[in-house]
Amino acid sequence: MAVLGGRAFVSAVAGRRRGSRLDSGSVAQVGLRFAFYGRMSTSEFQDAVTSRGWQRSVSEELVEGFGAIVVEFFDEGCSRRWSWSDRPAAAALLAAVADPGRGFDAVVVGEYERAFYGDQFRQVVARLNAAGVQVWLPEAGGPVELGSPVHEALMVLLGAQAQREVVGSAQGLVDTSSVRLRPRLRGCHRAQALPA
């Protein structure tokens, strides 16, 4: 598995804290090439450019100083409930992982709840790790270690939160930091945004 360890990791963190940016030569020196994965469920209620943009931006910020995103996989119109093999971009990412010449060392996900549901995370990460590919999450502050009790607890919490959000949004009861939602009248279960 391609990982940053020892001095390379410390140097990357120190450079990041000083606010230094990578140039193209530094990416090769650090050596981590990232595949970005993002997802949006509906094109009806979300803007693809905006959704992809913020997820990609969060991912770029997370990997800054450690490497660069070299390839992107983004699913549109796919529920997080769908298995990765049933989502076109996620399935393509899993297929790419099987290729030793894949061109990336790690996968960075823009937001846990966009990518995973329930216990999907453990299955996907175990599969990627077995192929020598790390998974980085903003919620973990970097690479996820399945054997870490802290990361295990975090993933259980995030999985439950993702399930709760799906159930809540189906009933129109989810309250987010940017938009308050309520069920529409006349029996429709879709949610509508209220002015803040």
N, C-alpha and C. Protein backbone atom coordinates (compact mmCIF):
# COMPACT_ATOMS: atom_id res chain seq x y z
N MET A 1 0.85 -1.17 0.00
CA MET A 1 0.00 0.00 0.00
C MET A 1 0.90 1.23 0.00
N ALA A 2 0.63 2.17 -0.88
CA ALA A 2 1.39 3.41 -0.92
C ALA A 2 0.89 4.31 0.20
N VAL A 3 1.76 4.60 1.13
CA VAL A 3 1.38 5.46 2.25
C VAL A 3 2.51 6.43 2.52
N LEU A 4 2.17 7.52 3.15
CA LEU A 4 3.19 8.44 3.63
C LEU A 4 3.53 8.00 5.04
N GLY A 5 4.78 7.81 5.30
CA GLY A 5 5.19 7.41 6.63
C GLY A 5 6.41 8.20 7.06
N GLY A 6 6.69 8.15 8.33
CA GLY A 6 7.89 8.74 8.87
C GLY A 6 8.11 10.18 8.47
N ARG A 7 9.31 10.44 7.96
CA ARG A 7 9.71 11.81 7.62
C ARG A 7 8.86 12.43 6.53
N ALA A 8 8.47 11.66 5.53
CA ALA A 8 7.66 12.21 4.44
C ALA A 8 6.33 12.74 4.97
N PHE A 9 5.71 11.99 5.89
CA PHE A 9 4.43 12.41 6.46
C PHE A 9 4.62 13.66 7.31
N VAL A 10 5.63 13.66 8.16
CA VAL A 10 5.89 14.81 9.04
C VAL A 10 6.19 16.05 8.20
N SER A 11 6.99 15.90 7.15
CA SER A 11 7.31 17.03 6.27
C SER A 11 6.07 17.57 5.59
N ALA A 12 5.21 16.68 5.14
CA ALA A 12 3.98 17.11 4.47
C ALA A 12 3.08 17.87 5.43
N VAL A 13 2.93 17.37 6.66
CA VAL A 13 2.10 18.04 7.65
C VAL A 13 2.69 19.40 8.01
N ALA A 14 4.00 19.44 8.22
CA ALA A 14 4.65 20.70 8.57
C ALA A 14 4.50 21.73 7.45
N GLY A 15 4.67 21.31 6.22
CA GLY A 15 4.50 22.21 5.08
C GLY A 15 3.08 22.71 4.98
N ARG A 16 2.15 21.86 5.27
CA ARG A 16 0.73 22.22 5.22
C ARG A 16 0.40 23.26 6.28
N ARG A 17 0.94 23.09 7.46
CA ARG A 17 0.66 24.03 8.55
C ARG A 17 1.30 25.39 8.31
N ARG A 18 2.43 25.41 7.59
CA ARG A 18 3.06 26.68 7.25
C ARG A 18 2.31 27.38 6.14
N GLY A 19 1.35 26.68 5.53
CA GLY A 19 0.58 27.28 4.46
C GLY A 19 1.23 27.18 3.10
N SER A 20 2.29 26.38 2.99
CA SER A 20 2.95 26.24 1.69
C SER A 20 2.10 25.38 0.78
N ARG A 21 2.09 25.72 -0.49
CA ARG A 21 1.32 24.98 -1.48
C ARG A 21 2.26 24.08 -2.26
N LEU A 22 1.71 23.00 -2.76
CA LEU A 22 2.49 22.09 -3.59
C LEU A 22 2.61 22.64 -5.00
N ASP A 23 3.76 22.46 -5.60
CA ASP A 23 3.85 22.67 -7.04
C ASP A 23 3.87 21.30 -7.67
N SER A 24 3.84 21.24 -8.99
CA SER A 24 3.74 19.93 -9.65
C SER A 24 4.92 19.03 -9.31
N GLY A 25 6.10 19.59 -9.07
CA GLY A 25 7.24 18.78 -8.68
C GLY A 25 7.08 18.18 -7.30
N SER A 26 6.44 18.92 -6.39
CA SER A 26 6.24 18.42 -5.03
C SER A 26 5.31 17.23 -4.99
N VAL A 27 4.30 17.21 -5.87
CA VAL A 27 3.37 16.09 -5.89
C VAL A 27 4.13 14.81 -6.18
N ALA A 28 5.02 14.85 -7.14
CA ALA A 28 5.81 13.66 -7.47
C ALA A 28 6.69 13.27 -6.30
N GLN A 29 7.25 14.26 -5.59
CA GLN A 29 8.11 13.98 -4.45
C GLN A 29 7.32 13.33 -3.32
N VAL A 30 6.14 13.86 -3.02
CA VAL A 30 5.31 13.29 -1.95
C VAL A 30 4.81 11.92 -2.37
N GLY A 31 4.38 11.80 -3.60
CA GLY A 31 4.07 10.50 -4.17
C GLY A 31 2.66 9.98 -4.03
N LEU A 32 1.76 10.67 -3.35
CA LEU A 32 0.39 10.16 -3.26
C LEU A 32 -0.47 10.76 -4.37
N ARG A 33 -1.04 9.87 -5.15
CA ARG A 33 -1.97 10.26 -6.21
C ARG A 33 -3.35 9.81 -5.76
N PHE A 34 -4.27 10.76 -5.72
CA PHE A 34 -5.60 10.48 -5.19
C PHE A 34 -6.65 10.37 -6.28
N ALA A 35 -7.58 9.43 -6.08
CA ALA A 35 -8.82 9.39 -6.86
C ALA A 35 -9.88 10.04 -5.98
N PHE A 36 -10.62 10.98 -6.53
CA PHE A 36 -11.70 11.64 -5.80
C PHE A 36 -13.00 10.89 -6.07
N TYR A 37 -13.78 10.62 -5.01
CA TYR A 37 -15.12 10.07 -5.18
C TYR A 37 -16.14 11.00 -4.52
N GLY A 38 -17.17 11.32 -5.28
CA GLY A 38 -18.28 12.12 -4.77
C GLY A 38 -19.59 11.59 -5.32
N ARG A 39 -20.69 12.06 -4.75
CA ARG A 39 -22.01 11.59 -5.18
C ARG A 39 -23.06 12.63 -4.86
N MET A 40 -24.05 12.70 -5.72
CA MET A 40 -25.26 13.47 -5.43
C MET A 40 -26.45 12.61 -5.80
N SER A 41 -27.50 12.70 -5.02
CA SER A 41 -28.62 11.79 -5.22
C SER A 41 -29.57 12.22 -6.34
N THR A 42 -29.89 13.48 -6.41
CA THR A 42 -30.88 13.90 -7.41
C THR A 42 -30.41 15.12 -8.17
N SER A 43 -30.62 15.11 -9.47
CA SER A 43 -30.34 16.30 -10.26
C SER A 43 -31.55 17.23 -10.22
N GLU A 44 -32.66 16.71 -9.72
CA GLU A 44 -33.91 17.46 -9.62
C GLU A 44 -33.84 18.54 -8.53
N PHE A 45 -33.19 18.22 -7.41
CA PHE A 45 -33.14 19.14 -6.28
C PHE A 45 -31.74 19.64 -5.97
N GLN A 46 -30.74 19.21 -6.73
CA GLN A 46 -29.36 19.63 -6.48
C GLN A 46 -28.72 20.07 -7.78
N ASP A 47 -27.77 20.97 -7.68
CA ASP A 47 -27.01 21.42 -8.84
C ASP A 47 -25.72 20.61 -8.90
N ALA A 48 -25.51 19.91 -10.01
CA ALA A 48 -24.35 19.02 -10.15
C ALA A 48 -23.03 19.77 -10.02
N VAL A 49 -22.94 20.94 -10.63
CA VAL A 49 -21.69 21.71 -10.59
C VAL A 49 -21.37 22.13 -9.15
N THR A 50 -22.37 22.61 -8.44
CA THR A 50 -22.17 23.05 -7.06
C THR A 50 -21.84 21.87 -6.15
N SER A 51 -22.59 20.79 -6.26
CA SER A 51 -22.37 19.62 -5.41
C SER A 51 -20.99 19.02 -5.64
N ARG A 52 -20.65 18.82 -6.91
CA ARG A 52 -19.33 18.29 -7.24
C ARG A 52 -18.25 19.25 -6.75
N GLY A 53 -18.48 20.54 -6.96
CA GLY A 53 -17.49 21.55 -6.60
C GLY A 53 -17.15 21.58 -5.13
N TRP A 54 -18.17 21.58 -4.25
CA TRP A 54 -17.84 21.66 -2.83
C TRP A 54 -17.22 20.37 -2.33
N GLN A 55 -17.68 19.22 -2.84
CA GLN A 55 -17.09 17.95 -2.41
C GLN A 55 -15.63 17.86 -2.87
N ARG A 56 -15.37 18.29 -4.09
CA ARG A 56 -14.01 18.27 -4.62
C ARG A 56 -13.12 19.24 -3.84
N SER A 57 -13.65 20.42 -3.52
CA SER A 57 -12.89 21.42 -2.77
C SER A 57 -12.49 20.91 -1.39
N VAL A 58 -13.43 20.27 -0.69
CA VAL A 58 -13.13 19.69 0.63
C VAL A 58 -12.04 18.63 0.49
N SER A 59 -12.14 17.82 -0.55
CA SER A 59 -11.15 16.76 -0.78
C SER A 59 -9.78 17.33 -1.09
N GLU A 60 -9.73 18.36 -1.93
CA GLU A 60 -8.45 18.98 -2.27
C GLU A 60 -7.79 19.59 -1.04
N GLU A 61 -8.59 20.22 -0.19
CA GLU A 61 -8.05 20.80 1.04
C GLU A 61 -7.49 19.71 1.95
N LEU A 62 -8.18 18.59 2.04
CA LEU A 62 -7.73 17.49 2.89
C LEU A 62 -6.39 16.92 2.43
N VAL A 63 -6.21 16.76 1.13
CA VAL A 63 -4.99 16.10 0.63
C VAL A 63 -3.85 17.09 0.35
N GLU A 64 -4.14 18.38 0.48
CA GLU A 64 -3.10 19.39 0.24
C GLU A 64 -1.88 19.11 1.11
N GLY A 65 -0.72 19.09 0.50
CA GLY A 65 0.51 18.81 1.22
C GLY A 65 0.87 17.34 1.24
N PHE A 66 -0.04 16.48 0.82
CA PHE A 66 0.20 15.04 0.81
C PHE A 66 0.22 14.47 -0.60
N GLY A 67 -0.35 15.18 -1.54
CA GLY A 67 -0.44 14.72 -2.91
C GLY A 67 -1.47 15.52 -3.66
N ALA A 68 -2.01 14.94 -4.73
CA ALA A 68 -2.98 15.65 -5.56
C ALA A 68 -4.00 14.68 -6.13
N ILE A 69 -5.18 15.21 -6.41
CA ILE A 69 -6.22 14.42 -7.07
C ILE A 69 -5.86 14.32 -8.55
N VAL A 70 -5.80 13.08 -9.04
CA VAL A 70 -5.41 12.86 -10.43
C VAL A 70 -6.54 12.27 -11.28
N VAL A 71 -7.58 11.78 -10.63
CA VAL A 71 -8.72 11.21 -11.36
C VAL A 71 -9.97 11.39 -10.50
N GLU A 72 -11.12 11.49 -11.17
CA GLU A 72 -12.37 11.76 -10.46
C GLU A 72 -13.44 10.74 -10.83
N PHE A 73 -14.18 10.32 -9.82
CA PHE A 73 -15.34 9.44 -9.99
C PHE A 73 -16.49 10.13 -9.27
N PHE A 74 -17.56 10.45 -10.00
CA PHE A 74 -18.68 11.19 -9.40
C PHE A 74 -19.99 10.61 -9.89
N ASP A 75 -20.82 10.16 -8.95
CA ASP A 75 -22.12 9.60 -9.29
C ASP A 75 -23.21 10.66 -9.15
N GLU A 76 -24.09 10.72 -10.14
CA GLU A 76 -25.25 11.60 -10.10
C GLU A 76 -26.51 10.75 -10.21
N GLY A 77 -27.50 11.07 -9.39
CA GLY A 77 -28.77 10.36 -9.45
C GLY A 77 -28.75 8.98 -8.82
N CYS A 78 -27.82 8.75 -7.91
CA CYS A 78 -27.69 7.46 -7.23
C CYS A 78 -27.90 7.64 -5.73
N SER A 79 -28.76 6.86 -5.16
CA SER A 79 -28.98 6.90 -3.72
C SER A 79 -27.76 6.33 -2.99
N ARG A 80 -27.49 6.86 -1.82
CA ARG A 80 -26.40 6.30 -1.01
C ARG A 80 -26.73 4.90 -0.55
N ARG A 81 -28.01 4.53 -0.58
CA ARG A 81 -28.42 3.18 -0.21
C ARG A 81 -27.93 2.14 -1.22
N TRP A 82 -27.71 2.56 -2.46
CA TRP A 82 -27.25 1.63 -3.48
C TRP A 82 -25.84 1.16 -3.14
N SER A 83 -25.58 -0.10 -3.38
CA SER A 83 -24.23 -0.61 -3.16
C SER A 83 -23.29 0.06 -4.16
N TRP A 84 -22.02 0.05 -3.85
CA TRP A 84 -21.04 0.67 -4.75
C TRP A 84 -21.04 -0.01 -6.11
N SER A 85 -21.29 -1.29 -6.15
CA SER A 85 -21.29 -1.99 -7.44
C SER A 85 -22.50 -1.60 -8.29
N ASP A 86 -23.53 -1.00 -7.69
CA ASP A 86 -24.71 -0.56 -8.43
C ASP A 86 -24.66 0.92 -8.84
N ARG A 87 -23.63 1.62 -8.42
CA ARG A 87 -23.45 3.03 -8.81
C ARG A 87 -22.39 3.07 -9.92
N PRO A 88 -22.68 3.68 -11.05
CA PRO A 88 -21.74 3.63 -12.18
C PRO A 88 -20.32 4.12 -11.86
N ALA A 89 -20.18 5.29 -11.27
CA ALA A 89 -18.83 5.82 -10.99
C ALA A 89 -18.14 5.03 -9.88
N ALA A 90 -18.87 4.66 -8.84
CA ALA A 90 -18.28 3.86 -7.76
C ALA A 90 -17.84 2.50 -8.29
N ALA A 91 -18.66 1.89 -9.15
CA ALA A 91 -18.30 0.60 -9.75
C ALA A 91 -17.05 0.75 -10.62
N ALA A 92 -16.96 1.86 -11.34
CA ALA A 92 -15.76 2.12 -12.17
C ALA A 92 -14.53 2.29 -11.29
N LEU A 93 -14.69 2.95 -10.14
CA LEU A 93 -13.58 3.12 -9.21
C LEU A 93 -13.13 1.75 -8.69
N LEU A 94 -14.08 0.91 -8.29
CA LEU A 94 -13.73 -0.43 -7.79
C LEU A 94 -13.03 -1.24 -8.87
N ALA A 95 -13.47 -1.12 -10.11
CA ALA A 95 -12.83 -1.83 -11.22
C ALA A 95 -11.42 -1.30 -11.44
N ALA A 96 -11.24 0.01 -11.34
CA ALA A 96 -9.91 0.61 -11.53
C ALA A 96 -8.94 0.14 -10.45
N VAL A 97 -9.44 -0.04 -9.23
CA VAL A 97 -8.59 -0.49 -8.12
C VAL A 97 -7.95 -1.85 -8.42
N ALA A 98 -8.67 -2.69 -9.15
CA ALA A 98 -8.16 -4.02 -9.47
C ALA A 98 -6.99 -3.99 -10.45
N ASP A 99 -6.80 -2.86 -11.14
CA ASP A 99 -5.72 -2.72 -12.11
C ASP A 99 -4.45 -2.22 -11.40
N PRO A 100 -3.37 -3.01 -11.41
CA PRO A 100 -2.13 -2.56 -10.75
C PRO A 100 -1.58 -1.26 -11.34
N GLY A 101 -1.90 -0.95 -12.58
CA GLY A 101 -1.45 0.30 -13.20
C GLY A 101 -2.50 1.39 -13.12
N ARG A 102 -3.27 1.40 -12.05
CA ARG A 102 -4.44 2.28 -11.93
C ARG A 102 -4.12 3.76 -11.93
N GLY A 103 -2.94 4.18 -11.57
CA GLY A 103 -2.59 5.60 -11.59
C GLY A 103 -2.95 6.38 -10.34
N PHE A 104 -3.45 5.71 -9.30
CA PHE A 104 -3.70 6.40 -8.03
C PHE A 104 -3.37 5.45 -6.88
N ASP A 105 -3.02 6.07 -5.74
CA ASP A 105 -2.59 5.32 -4.56
C ASP A 105 -3.65 5.31 -3.46
N ALA A 106 -4.53 6.29 -3.48
CA ALA A 106 -5.50 6.46 -2.41
C ALA A 106 -6.78 7.06 -2.98
N VAL A 107 -7.87 6.89 -2.24
CA VAL A 107 -9.16 7.47 -2.61
C VAL A 107 -9.52 8.49 -1.54
N VAL A 108 -9.92 9.68 -1.98
CA VAL A 108 -10.40 10.70 -1.05
C VAL A 108 -11.88 10.92 -1.34
N VAL A 109 -12.67 10.90 -0.28
CA VAL A 109 -14.12 11.06 -0.38
C VAL A 109 -14.48 12.43 0.17
N GLY A 110 -15.31 13.18 -0.56
CA GLY A 110 -15.67 14.53 -0.14
C GLY A 110 -16.46 14.61 1.15
N GLU A 111 -17.33 13.63 1.39
CA GLU A 111 -18.11 13.59 2.62
C GLU A 111 -18.61 12.17 2.83
N TYR A 112 -18.42 11.65 4.02
CA TYR A 112 -18.83 10.28 4.34
C TYR A 112 -20.28 10.03 3.93
N GLU A 113 -21.18 10.91 4.35
CA GLU A 113 -22.61 10.68 4.14
C GLU A 113 -23.01 10.70 2.67
N ARG A 114 -22.20 11.29 1.81
CA ARG A 114 -22.48 11.26 0.37
C ARG A 114 -22.10 9.91 -0.23
N ALA A 115 -21.14 9.25 0.38
CA ALA A 115 -20.56 8.04 -0.22
C ALA A 115 -21.06 6.74 0.38
N PHE A 116 -21.40 6.75 1.66
CA PHE A 116 -21.66 5.49 2.36
C PHE A 116 -22.98 5.51 3.11
N TYR A 117 -23.49 4.31 3.33
CA TYR A 117 -24.74 4.13 4.06
C TYR A 117 -24.58 2.86 4.90
N GLY A 118 -25.02 2.93 6.16
CA GLY A 118 -24.96 1.73 7.00
C GLY A 118 -23.55 1.20 7.14
N ASP A 119 -23.36 -0.08 6.84
CA ASP A 119 -22.04 -0.71 6.98
C ASP A 119 -21.27 -0.80 5.66
N GLN A 120 -21.69 -0.05 4.63
CA GLN A 120 -20.97 -0.08 3.35
C GLN A 120 -19.51 0.31 3.52
N PHE A 121 -19.25 1.27 4.39
CA PHE A 121 -17.89 1.79 4.53
C PHE A 121 -16.89 0.69 4.82
N ARG A 122 -17.17 -0.12 5.81
CA ARG A 122 -16.24 -1.19 6.19
C ARG A 122 -15.96 -2.11 5.02
N GLN A 123 -16.99 -2.49 4.28
CA GLN A 123 -16.82 -3.40 3.14
C GLN A 123 -15.97 -2.77 2.05
N VAL A 124 -16.27 -1.52 1.72
CA VAL A 124 -15.54 -0.83 0.64
C VAL A 124 -14.09 -0.59 1.05
N VAL A 125 -13.87 -0.09 2.25
CA VAL A 125 -12.50 0.20 2.70
C VAL A 125 -11.68 -1.08 2.79
N ALA A 126 -12.26 -2.16 3.30
CA ALA A 126 -11.53 -3.43 3.37
C ALA A 126 -11.11 -3.88 1.97
N ARG A 127 -12.00 -3.73 1.02
CA ARG A 127 -11.69 -4.12 -0.37
C ARG A 127 -10.58 -3.24 -0.96
N LEU A 128 -10.67 -1.93 -0.73
CA LEU A 128 -9.65 -1.02 -1.24
C LEU A 128 -8.31 -1.25 -0.55
N ASN A 129 -8.33 -1.40 0.77
CA ASN A 129 -7.09 -1.67 1.51
C ASN A 129 -6.43 -2.95 1.05
N ALA A 130 -7.22 -3.99 0.76
CA ALA A 130 -6.67 -5.27 0.29
C ALA A 130 -5.94 -5.09 -1.04
N ALA A 131 -6.35 -4.08 -1.82
CA ALA A 131 -5.69 -3.79 -3.10
C ALA A 131 -4.56 -2.78 -2.93
N GLY A 132 -4.27 -2.38 -1.68
CA GLY A 132 -3.19 -1.44 -1.43
C GLY A 132 -3.58 0.02 -1.57
N VAL A 133 -4.87 0.31 -1.45
CA VAL A 133 -5.37 1.68 -1.62
C VAL A 133 -5.93 2.20 -0.30
N GLN A 134 -5.42 3.34 0.15
CA GLN A 134 -5.94 3.99 1.36
C GLN A 134 -7.23 4.73 1.03
N VAL A 135 -8.05 4.97 2.06
CA VAL A 135 -9.23 5.82 1.93
C VAL A 135 -9.07 6.98 2.90
N TRP A 136 -9.19 8.19 2.36
CA TRP A 136 -9.09 9.41 3.17
C TRP A 136 -10.46 10.06 3.28
N LEU A 137 -10.79 10.49 4.49
CA LEU A 137 -12.07 11.17 4.75
C LEU A 137 -11.82 12.47 5.51
N PRO A 138 -12.56 13.52 5.17
CA PRO A 138 -12.43 14.76 5.94
C PRO A 138 -12.82 14.56 7.40
N GLU A 139 -13.81 13.72 7.65
CA GLU A 139 -14.26 13.48 9.02
C GLU A 139 -13.18 12.82 9.87
N ALA A 140 -12.27 12.08 9.24
CA ALA A 140 -11.16 11.43 9.95
C ALA A 140 -9.90 12.30 9.93
N GLY A 141 -9.92 13.36 9.16
CA GLY A 141 -8.76 14.24 9.06
C GLY A 141 -7.63 13.65 8.24
N GLY A 142 -7.91 12.63 7.46
CA GLY A 142 -6.87 11.99 6.64
C GLY A 142 -7.22 10.55 6.38
N PRO A 143 -6.19 9.68 6.33
CA PRO A 143 -6.45 8.27 6.01
C PRO A 143 -7.16 7.56 7.16
N VAL A 144 -8.07 6.67 6.80
CA VAL A 144 -8.82 5.90 7.78
C VAL A 144 -8.10 4.58 8.03
N GLU A 145 -7.97 4.23 9.30
CA GLU A 145 -7.35 2.97 9.69
C GLU A 145 -8.44 2.09 10.31
N LEU A 146 -8.78 1.00 9.62
CA LEU A 146 -9.84 0.14 10.13
C LEU A 146 -9.53 -0.46 11.49
N GLY A 147 -8.27 -0.66 11.82
CA GLY A 147 -7.91 -1.25 13.10
C GLY A 147 -7.90 -0.27 14.26
N SER A 148 -8.08 1.01 13.98
CA SER A 148 -8.05 2.03 15.02
C SER A 148 -9.40 2.10 15.75
N PRO A 149 -9.41 1.94 17.08
CA PRO A 149 -10.67 2.03 17.81
C PRO A 149 -11.36 3.39 17.62
N VAL A 150 -10.58 4.45 17.52
CA VAL A 150 -11.15 5.78 17.31
C VAL A 150 -11.84 5.85 15.95
N HIS A 151 -11.16 5.36 14.92
CA HIS A 151 -11.76 5.38 13.58
C HIS A 151 -12.95 4.43 13.49
N GLU A 152 -12.87 3.29 14.16
CA GLU A 152 -14.00 2.35 14.19
C GLU A 152 -15.23 3.04 14.78
N ALA A 153 -15.06 3.72 15.91
CA ALA A 153 -16.18 4.41 16.56
C ALA A 153 -16.72 5.52 15.67
N LEU A 154 -15.82 6.26 15.04
CA LEU A 154 -16.24 7.34 14.14
C LEU A 154 -17.06 6.80 12.98
N MET A 155 -16.64 5.68 12.40
CA MET A 155 -17.36 5.12 11.26
C MET A 155 -18.74 4.58 11.65
N VAL A 156 -18.84 4.01 12.85
CA VAL A 156 -20.15 3.54 13.34
C VAL A 156 -21.08 4.75 13.50
N LEU A 157 -20.57 5.81 14.10
CA LEU A 157 -21.36 7.03 14.29
C LEU A 157 -21.80 7.63 12.95
N LEU A 158 -20.86 7.74 12.02
CA LEU A 158 -21.19 8.32 10.71
C LEU A 158 -22.18 7.45 9.93
N GLY A 159 -22.04 6.13 10.05
CA GLY A 159 -22.97 5.21 9.38
C GLY A 159 -24.38 5.37 9.92
N ALA A 160 -24.50 5.47 11.24
CA ALA A 160 -25.83 5.66 11.85
C ALA A 160 -26.41 7.01 11.46
N GLN A 161 -25.57 8.02 11.43
CA GLN A 161 -26.02 9.36 11.04
C GLN A 161 -26.52 9.37 9.60
N ALA A 162 -25.82 8.68 8.71
CA ALA A 162 -26.23 8.61 7.30
C ALA A 162 -27.58 7.91 7.18
N GLN A 163 -27.78 6.84 7.94
CA GLN A 163 -29.06 6.13 7.92
C GLN A 163 -30.18 7.03 8.44
N ARG A 164 -29.91 7.74 9.51
CA ARG A 164 -30.91 8.63 10.09
C ARG A 164 -31.29 9.74 9.10
N GLU A 165 -30.30 10.26 8.39
CA GLU A 165 -30.57 11.32 7.42
C GLU A 165 -31.47 10.82 6.29
N VAL A 166 -31.22 9.60 5.82
CA VAL A 166 -32.04 9.04 4.74
C VAL A 166 -33.48 8.89 5.21
N VAL A 167 -33.67 8.33 6.40
CA VAL A 167 -35.01 8.14 6.94
C VAL A 167 -35.68 9.50 7.15
N GLY A 168 -34.95 10.43 7.73
CA GLY A 168 -35.50 11.76 7.99
C GLY A 168 -35.86 12.51 6.72
N SER A 169 -35.01 12.43 5.70
CA SER A 169 -35.32 13.16 4.46
C SER A 169 -36.48 12.52 3.73
N ALA A 170 -36.64 11.22 3.85
CA ALA A 170 -37.78 10.56 3.22
C ALA A 170 -39.09 11.02 3.86
N GLN A 171 -39.01 11.38 5.13
CA GLN A 171 -40.20 11.84 5.84
C GLN A 171 -40.28 13.36 5.88
N GLY A 172 -39.26 14.03 5.31
CA GLY A 172 -39.26 15.49 5.29
C GLY A 172 -38.97 16.12 6.63
N LEU A 173 -38.24 15.40 7.48
CA LEU A 173 -38.01 15.88 8.84
C LEU A 173 -36.57 16.30 9.11
N VAL A 174 -35.70 16.21 8.14
CA VAL A 174 -34.29 16.51 8.36
C VAL A 174 -34.09 18.01 8.55
N ASP A 175 -33.27 18.37 9.49
CA ASP A 175 -32.92 19.76 9.72
C ASP A 175 -31.43 19.89 9.49
N THR A 176 -31.01 20.67 8.50
CA THR A 176 -29.59 20.84 8.23
C THR A 176 -29.16 22.23 8.67
N SER A 177 -27.86 22.49 8.65
CA SER A 177 -27.37 23.79 9.08
C SER A 177 -27.71 24.89 8.08
N SER A 178 -27.90 24.55 6.81
CA SER A 178 -28.13 25.59 5.81
C SER A 178 -29.59 25.71 5.39
N VAL A 179 -30.38 24.67 5.57
CA VAL A 179 -31.76 24.68 5.08
C VAL A 179 -32.65 23.96 6.09
N ARG A 180 -33.76 24.56 6.45
CA ARG A 180 -34.75 23.87 7.26
C ARG A 180 -35.74 23.22 6.31
N LEU A 181 -36.10 21.99 6.58
CA LEU A 181 -36.99 21.26 5.69
C LEU A 181 -38.30 20.92 6.39
N ARG A 182 -39.36 20.84 5.61
CA ARG A 182 -40.64 20.40 6.16
C ARG A 182 -41.38 19.60 5.09
N PRO A 183 -42.27 18.72 5.50
CA PRO A 183 -43.03 17.98 4.49
C PRO A 183 -44.01 18.91 3.80
N ARG A 184 -44.18 18.69 2.52
CA ARG A 184 -45.20 19.46 1.79
C ARG A 184 -46.57 18.96 2.20
N LEU A 185 -47.52 19.83 2.10
CA LEU A 185 -48.89 19.43 2.40
C LEU A 185 -49.41 18.55 1.27
N ARG A 186 -50.57 18.04 1.38
CA ARG A 186 -51.21 17.17 0.41
C ARG A 186 -50.56 15.79 0.34
N GLY A 187 -49.93 15.33 1.41
CA GLY A 187 -49.45 13.96 1.48
C GLY A 187 -48.15 13.65 0.77
N CYS A 188 -47.51 14.63 0.19
CA CYS A 188 -46.25 14.37 -0.52
C CYS A 188 -45.12 14.25 0.50
N HIS A 189 -44.22 13.30 0.31
CA HIS A 189 -43.13 13.09 1.27
C HIS A 189 -41.86 13.82 0.90
N ARG A 190 -41.86 14.55 -0.19
CA ARG A 190 -40.66 15.32 -0.54
C ARG A 190 -40.54 16.50 0.42
N ALA A 191 -39.33 16.97 0.58
CA ALA A 191 -39.10 18.10 1.47
C ALA A 191 -38.96 19.37 0.65
N GLN A 192 -39.28 20.49 1.26
CA GLN A 192 -39.08 21.76 0.58
C GLN A 192 -38.31 22.67 1.52
N ALA A 193 -37.49 23.52 0.93
CA ALA A 193 -36.69 24.44 1.72
C ALA A 193 -37.55 25.60 2.21
N LEU A 194 -37.33 25.99 3.45
CA LEU A 194 -37.99 27.15 4.01
C LEU A 194 -36.97 28.27 4.12
N PRO A 195 -37.37 29.50 4.03
CA PRO A 195 -36.41 30.58 4.23
C PRO A 195 -35.82 30.50 5.63
N ALA A 196 -34.53 30.76 5.73
CA ALA A 196 -33.85 30.66 7.04
C ALA A 196 -34.20 31.83 7.92
